[in-house]
Amino acid sequence: MTYPLITLCGSYNFTKHWVRPCIESWKKISNVDHKKWHLVADNRLSIEDEREFSSLGFKVYNSDESKGQISTFLKKYPALEKIREKDLTWRKLLDTSILLKGIGKVVLIDTDVLVAHNCKLPEGDFDICYMREDIPAYRAHWKIVWEQQMVPAFNAGAVIFDPDSIDFSYLEYLTGKYFLQCKDYWWSEQSAWACLAGRMRNRLLFDGNQVRVLSGFKKRSVEEVLLNKYNYFGKRGVLEKFEEFKPFVEGSTIIHFAGLGKKWFSESYDLLLRSNFQPDETVIRAHQEETLNMKDKIFIGTRLLLKELK
């Protein structure tokens, strides 16, 4: 089988130096259909950049028809319509699921995710597969962890899922009850993903040795990244030199350069080009993940409460 691929980008982000190398690297995934690449404009996308994306092989969703399709669909979901307008990150979940219904299971990937060498993504009878965040960087009312099934530390840099599996009525309920009253909507979309995954029967987490989220902060050690461990509260400080960042990069197959991690993209890219001459295809592993345990609920709920009290 092969997966269609979906990403989001606007003209502002398209100027970033990591975007084109990352897009080019996605061709190294053997079970992604290179003839079925989709680009959803998450903000303003100029006609010139739309043409450029088309020349790179993307079907671009930037027309009045596409925007009208999203608007018409969300009229039934006023809370989702409101949060989508207030926070652009929600367009990743909502717009892709609306525009690409019926397409089957897809790979949704960010333009700061680099594929270091040839690989094959997990296949089979699973509902969703995703990456591990440094910490459970969620935003919601603290009661959400006690009232909903959630997974810990969900990162949506690369997600395999079926747009038809997204329950918009459930998302509307979550948004009205837990998200809209937040002081800041940043990370609320990650919370929604965590709830959606928590309700799915067969959820998988990418292997941390092969697939890594690197933020540039000192929130996790190299060992914690490789073992897919997470921390409840972030350690202070950032990695100041590439020599500190380098051990996080070495030996990886897929990297999400999240946040300040992009500071070290060029050096990491050069390092991987020099060191990853692997002729054999890497089969990406993934493991079953449980929902929040009691300890998770206590610490994450406390963290959510503290965010809102600031």
Protein backbone atom coordinates (compact mmCIF):
# COMPACT_ATOMS: atom_id res chain seq x y z
CA MET A 1 0.00 0.00 0.00
CA THR A 2 0.99 3.65 -0.37
CA TYR A 3 -0.22 6.70 1.51
CA PRO A 4 -1.26 10.06 0.11
CA LEU A 5 0.70 12.90 1.74
CA ILE A 6 -0.73 16.16 3.09
CA THR A 7 1.04 19.25 4.37
CA LEU A 8 0.07 22.83 5.17
CA CYS A 9 1.94 25.98 4.24
CA GLY A 10 1.47 29.66 3.47
CA SER A 11 3.70 32.11 1.63
CA TYR A 12 5.36 33.36 4.83
CA ASN A 13 6.51 29.91 5.93
CA PHE A 14 7.50 28.97 2.37
CA THR A 15 10.37 31.48 2.64
CA LYS A 16 12.00 29.53 5.48
CA HIS A 17 15.24 27.81 4.55
CA TRP A 18 14.23 24.39 5.91
CA VAL A 19 11.01 23.99 3.91
CA ARG A 20 12.35 22.94 0.51
CA PRO A 21 14.93 20.45 1.86
CA CYS A 22 12.23 18.88 4.04
CA ILE A 23 9.77 18.60 1.16
CA GLU A 24 12.42 17.05 -1.06
CA SER A 25 13.30 14.57 1.69
CA TRP A 26 9.76 13.16 1.81
CA LYS A 27 10.47 11.36 -1.45
CA LYS A 28 12.63 8.99 0.59
CA ILE A 29 9.51 7.43 2.13
CA SER A 30 8.87 4.41 -0.08
CA ASN A 31 5.21 3.90 0.85
CA VAL A 32 4.13 7.48 0.20
CA ASP A 33 2.55 7.96 -3.23
CA HIS A 34 4.54 10.75 -4.87
CA LYS A 35 1.65 11.38 -7.27
CA LYS A 36 -0.75 12.09 -4.41
CA TRP A 37 0.75 15.05 -2.59
CA HIS A 38 -1.70 17.64 -1.23
CA LEU A 39 -1.01 21.17 -0.02
CA VAL A 40 -3.57 23.00 2.11
CA ALA A 41 -3.00 26.74 2.50
CA ASP A 42 -3.06 27.45 6.24
CA ASN A 43 -2.79 31.20 5.71
CA ARG A 44 -2.26 33.48 2.75
CA LEU A 45 -0.69 31.66 -0.21
CA SER A 46 0.22 33.84 -3.19
CA ILE A 47 -0.57 32.79 -6.74
CA GLU A 48 3.16 32.60 -7.45
CA ASP A 49 3.79 30.28 -4.54
CA GLU A 50 0.73 28.21 -5.43
CA ARG A 51 2.25 27.67 -8.87
CA GLU A 52 5.57 26.75 -7.27
CA PHE A 53 3.93 24.13 -5.07
CA SER A 54 2.11 22.75 -8.10
CA SER A 55 5.44 22.43 -9.92
CA LEU A 56 6.73 20.41 -6.95
CA GLY A 57 3.92 17.91 -7.49
CA PHE A 58 1.28 19.14 -5.03
CA LYS A 59 -2.43 19.43 -5.59
CA VAL A 60 -3.03 22.81 -3.97
CA TYR A 61 -6.16 23.70 -2.00
CA ASN A 62 -6.17 27.49 -2.11
CA SER A 63 -9.25 28.34 -4.18
CA ASP A 64 -12.45 30.11 -3.19
CA GLU A 65 -14.15 26.76 -3.73
CA SER A 66 -11.93 25.05 -1.12
CA LYS A 67 -12.38 27.89 1.35
CA GLY A 68 -16.13 27.82 0.75
CA GLN A 69 -16.23 24.07 1.34
CA ILE A 70 -14.57 24.52 4.73
CA SER A 71 -16.81 27.45 5.67
CA THR A 72 -20.00 25.65 4.69
CA PHE A 73 -19.03 22.50 6.60
CA LEU A 74 -18.17 24.37 9.80
CA LYS A 75 -21.49 26.26 9.90
CA LYS A 76 -22.78 23.18 11.72
CA TYR A 77 -20.00 23.51 14.30
CA PRO A 78 -19.89 27.09 15.67
CA ALA A 79 -17.28 26.40 18.37
CA LEU A 80 -14.89 24.86 15.82
CA GLU A 81 -15.57 27.71 13.41
CA LYS A 82 -14.65 30.22 16.11
CA ILE A 83 -11.44 28.53 17.29
CA ARG A 84 -10.28 27.98 13.70
CA GLU A 85 -10.47 31.73 13.09
CA LYS A 86 -8.68 32.55 16.34
CA ASP A 87 -5.87 30.00 16.09
CA LEU A 88 -4.25 28.95 12.81
CA THR A 89 -2.94 25.65 14.19
CA TRP A 90 -6.47 24.25 14.19
CA ARG A 91 -6.53 24.40 10.39
CA LYS A 92 -4.14 21.48 10.32
CA LEU A 93 -6.70 19.20 11.92
CA LEU A 94 -9.92 20.73 10.60
CA ASP A 95 -9.11 21.78 7.03
CA THR A 96 -7.31 18.59 6.07
CA SER A 97 -10.08 16.40 7.49
CA ILE A 98 -12.78 18.40 5.68
CA LEU A 99 -11.08 18.74 2.30
CA LEU A 100 -9.72 15.18 2.10
CA LYS A 101 -12.63 13.11 3.31
CA GLY A 102 -12.88 9.78 1.50
CA ILE A 103 -9.20 9.65 0.58
CA GLY A 104 -8.33 6.87 3.05
CA LYS A 105 -5.43 6.76 5.47
CA VAL A 106 -2.93 9.58 4.90
CA VAL A 107 0.40 10.95 6.12
CA LEU A 108 -0.05 14.45 7.52
CA ILE A 109 3.39 16.04 7.83
CA ASP A 110 4.81 19.43 8.79
CA THR A 111 7.22 21.39 6.60
CA ASP A 112 9.86 21.22 9.38
CA VAL A 113 10.01 17.42 9.34
CA LEU A 114 13.10 15.98 7.63
CA VAL A 115 13.48 12.39 6.40
CA ALA A 116 17.17 11.57 6.68
CA HIS A 117 17.29 8.45 4.52
CA ASN A 118 15.18 5.83 2.76
CA CYS A 119 12.46 4.42 4.97
CA LYS A 120 9.07 2.76 5.06
CA LEU A 121 6.30 3.91 7.40
CA PRO A 122 4.16 1.53 9.49
CA GLU A 123 1.30 -0.19 7.71
CA GLY A 124 -1.53 -2.41 8.84
CA ASP A 125 -4.65 -2.32 10.95
CA PHE A 126 -4.10 0.72 13.18
CA ASP A 127 -6.18 3.87 13.62
CA ILE A 128 -3.51 6.51 14.19
CA CYS A 129 0.30 6.76 14.48
CA TYR A 130 2.09 9.85 15.81
CA MET A 131 5.23 11.37 17.37
CA ARG A 132 6.30 11.99 20.97
CA GLU A 133 6.50 15.55 22.35
CA ASP A 134 9.03 16.60 25.03
CA ILE A 135 6.27 17.32 27.52
CA PRO A 136 2.45 17.11 27.41
CA ALA A 137 2.27 20.60 25.90
CA TYR A 138 -1.50 20.84 26.04
CA ARG A 139 -3.90 23.73 26.57
CA ALA A 140 -7.39 23.16 27.97
CA HIS A 141 -9.44 23.36 31.12
CA TRP A 142 -7.76 21.15 33.74
CA LYS A 143 -10.82 18.88 34.06
CA ILE A 144 -10.21 17.49 30.57
CA VAL A 145 -7.66 14.95 31.85
CA TRP A 146 -10.23 13.52 34.30
CA GLU A 147 -13.22 13.54 31.99
CA GLN A 148 -11.73 12.44 28.65
CA GLN A 149 -9.52 9.62 27.41
CA MET A 150 -6.24 11.20 26.28
CA VAL A 151 -2.75 10.09 25.34
CA PRO A 152 0.32 11.80 26.83
CA ALA A 153 2.65 14.17 24.95
CA PHE A 154 1.10 13.89 21.46
CA ASN A 155 3.07 15.66 18.73
CA ALA A 156 1.39 16.17 15.35
CA GLY A 157 4.57 16.79 13.30
CA ALA A 158 3.88 13.55 11.42
CA VAL A 159 0.60 11.69 11.85
CA ILE A 160 -0.84 8.74 9.95
CA PHE A 161 -4.63 8.76 10.19
CA ASP A 162 -7.85 8.56 8.18
CA PRO A 163 -9.67 11.91 7.80
CA ASP A 164 -12.96 10.00 7.87
CA SER A 165 -12.19 8.92 11.44
CA ILE A 166 -12.34 12.48 12.78
CA ASP A 167 -15.51 12.91 14.85
CA PHE A 168 -16.49 16.56 14.37
CA SER A 169 -19.37 16.38 16.82
CA TYR A 170 -16.93 15.23 19.49
CA LEU A 171 -14.47 17.99 18.55
CA GLU A 172 -17.27 20.55 18.79
CA TYR A 173 -18.12 19.29 22.26
CA LEU A 174 -14.47 19.40 23.38
CA THR A 175 -13.95 22.89 21.99
CA GLY A 176 -17.02 24.35 23.64
CA LYS A 177 -16.34 22.73 27.01
CA TYR A 178 -12.54 22.82 27.36
CA PHE A 179 -10.81 25.02 24.77
CA LEU A 180 -12.66 28.23 23.96
CA GLN A 181 -12.44 29.63 27.48
CA CYS A 182 -8.64 29.31 27.59
CA LYS A 183 -6.59 32.50 27.86
CA ASP A 184 -4.36 31.27 25.04
CA TYR A 185 -5.32 28.74 22.35
CA TRP A 186 -1.72 27.74 21.57
CA TRP A 187 -1.38 23.94 22.02
CA SER A 188 -5.16 23.43 22.24
CA GLU A 189 -5.09 21.66 18.87
CA GLN A 190 -2.54 19.20 20.30
CA SER A 191 -4.99 18.57 23.13
CA ALA A 192 -7.70 17.78 20.60
CA TRP A 193 -5.44 15.30 18.82
CA ALA A 194 -4.65 13.68 22.18
CA CYS A 195 -8.36 13.21 22.87
CA LEU A 196 -9.06 11.83 19.40
CA ALA A 197 -6.20 9.34 19.74
CA GLY A 198 -7.36 8.40 23.23
CA ARG A 199 -10.72 7.25 21.86
CA MET A 200 -9.19 5.18 19.07
CA ARG A 201 -8.90 1.44 19.53
CA ASN A 202 -5.49 0.86 17.98
CA ARG A 203 -3.14 3.80 18.52
CA LEU A 204 0.57 3.67 17.71
CA LEU A 205 3.55 5.79 18.72
CA PHE A 206 6.56 6.05 16.38
CA ASP A 207 9.75 4.51 17.76
CA GLY A 208 11.77 7.25 19.47
CA ASN A 209 15.12 5.95 18.23
CA GLN A 210 14.01 6.36 14.62
CA VAL A 211 11.51 9.24 14.79
CA ARG A 212 12.39 12.21 16.99
CA VAL A 213 10.94 15.55 18.02
CA LEU A 214 13.81 17.96 18.71
CA SER A 215 12.80 21.31 20.14
CA GLY A 216 16.20 22.80 20.98
CA PHE A 217 15.23 23.05 24.66
CA LYS A 218 16.81 21.02 27.46
CA LYS A 219 13.47 19.41 28.25
CA ARG A 220 14.67 15.85 27.58
CA SER A 221 17.99 14.03 27.56
CA VAL A 222 19.13 12.07 24.50
CA GLU A 223 18.24 8.85 26.32
CA GLU A 224 14.73 10.11 27.07
CA VAL A 225 14.21 11.01 23.40
CA LEU A 226 15.35 7.59 22.20
CA LEU A 227 13.16 5.80 24.75
CA ASN A 228 10.14 7.99 23.97
CA LYS A 229 10.00 9.25 27.54
CA TYR A 230 8.43 12.60 28.37
CA ASN A 231 8.57 14.99 31.29
CA TYR A 232 5.64 16.70 32.95
CA PHE A 233 7.34 20.06 33.35
CA GLY A 234 10.01 21.42 31.04
CA LYS A 235 13.57 21.85 32.25
CA ARG A 236 14.81 25.39 31.86
CA GLY A 237 17.41 26.37 29.31
CA VAL A 238 18.15 25.85 25.63
CA LEU A 239 20.92 24.05 23.79
CA GLU A 240 23.49 26.77 23.05
CA LYS A 241 25.86 24.97 20.66
CA PHE A 242 25.44 22.49 17.84
CA GLU A 243 27.77 20.10 19.65
CA GLU A 244 25.04 19.86 22.33
CA PHE A 245 22.34 19.31 19.72
CA LYS A 246 24.33 16.86 17.59
CA PRO A 247 23.80 13.72 19.77
CA PHE A 248 20.04 14.18 19.44
CA VAL A 249 20.35 14.09 15.64
CA GLU A 250 22.82 11.26 15.10
CA GLY A 251 21.32 7.95 14.09
CA SER A 252 17.83 9.29 13.48
CA THR A 253 15.66 8.59 10.44
CA ILE A 254 12.88 11.18 10.75
CA ILE A 255 13.26 14.44 12.69
CA HIS A 256 10.71 17.09 13.57
CA PHE A 257 12.67 20.31 14.07
CA ALA A 258 10.10 21.84 16.39
CA GLY A 259 10.33 25.42 17.64
CA LEU A 260 13.91 26.41 18.47
CA GLY A 261 15.13 23.14 17.01
CA LYS A 262 15.09 24.89 13.64
CA LYS A 263 18.09 26.93 14.80
CA TRP A 264 20.21 23.84 14.17
CA PHE A 265 18.54 22.68 10.97
CA SER A 266 21.34 23.55 8.53
CA GLU A 267 24.07 21.95 10.64
CA SER A 268 21.92 18.87 11.22
CA TYR A 269 21.08 18.59 7.53
CA ASP A 270 24.77 18.72 6.57
CA LEU A 271 25.61 16.14 9.24
CA LEU A 272 22.91 13.74 8.06
CA LEU A 273 23.93 14.13 4.42
CA ARG A 274 27.48 13.15 5.34
CA SER A 275 26.74 10.34 7.76
CA ASN A 276 23.61 8.53 6.59
CA PHE A 277 24.82 6.60 3.57
CA GLN A 278 22.55 3.63 4.26
CA PRO A 279 21.65 1.66 1.12
CA ASP A 280 19.05 -0.44 2.90
CA GLU A 281 15.58 0.86 3.63
CA THR A 282 14.75 1.47 7.28
CA VAL A 283 11.40 0.07 8.36
CA ILE A 284 9.96 2.50 10.89
CA ARG A 285 8.71 0.79 14.02
CA ALA A 286 5.76 1.86 16.13
CA HIS A 287 4.40 0.68 19.44
CA GLN A 288 1.04 0.57 21.16
CA GLU A 289 0.39 3.44 23.56
CA GLU A 290 -1.84 3.60 26.61
CA THR A 291 -3.98 6.54 27.69
CA LEU A 292 -3.19 8.75 30.69
CA ASN A 293 -2.58 6.95 33.97
CA MET A 294 -3.31 8.43 37.39
CA LYS A 295 0.12 10.04 37.71
CA ASP A 296 -0.26 11.60 34.25
CA LYS A 297 -3.66 13.03 35.13
CA ILE A 298 -2.41 14.61 38.34
CA PHE A 299 0.66 16.24 36.82
CA ILE A 300 -0.87 17.25 33.48
CA GLY A 301 -4.04 18.54 35.13
CA THR A 302 -1.90 20.62 37.51
CA ARG A 303 0.13 21.96 34.60
CA LEU A 304 -3.03 22.98 32.73
CA LEU A 305 -4.38 24.74 35.82
CA LEU A 306 -1.14 26.65 36.36
CA LYS A 307 -1.17 27.85 32.75
CA GLU A 308 -4.59 29.38 33.19
CA LEU A 309 -3.72 31.00 36.53
CA LYS A 310 -0.74 32.91 35.09
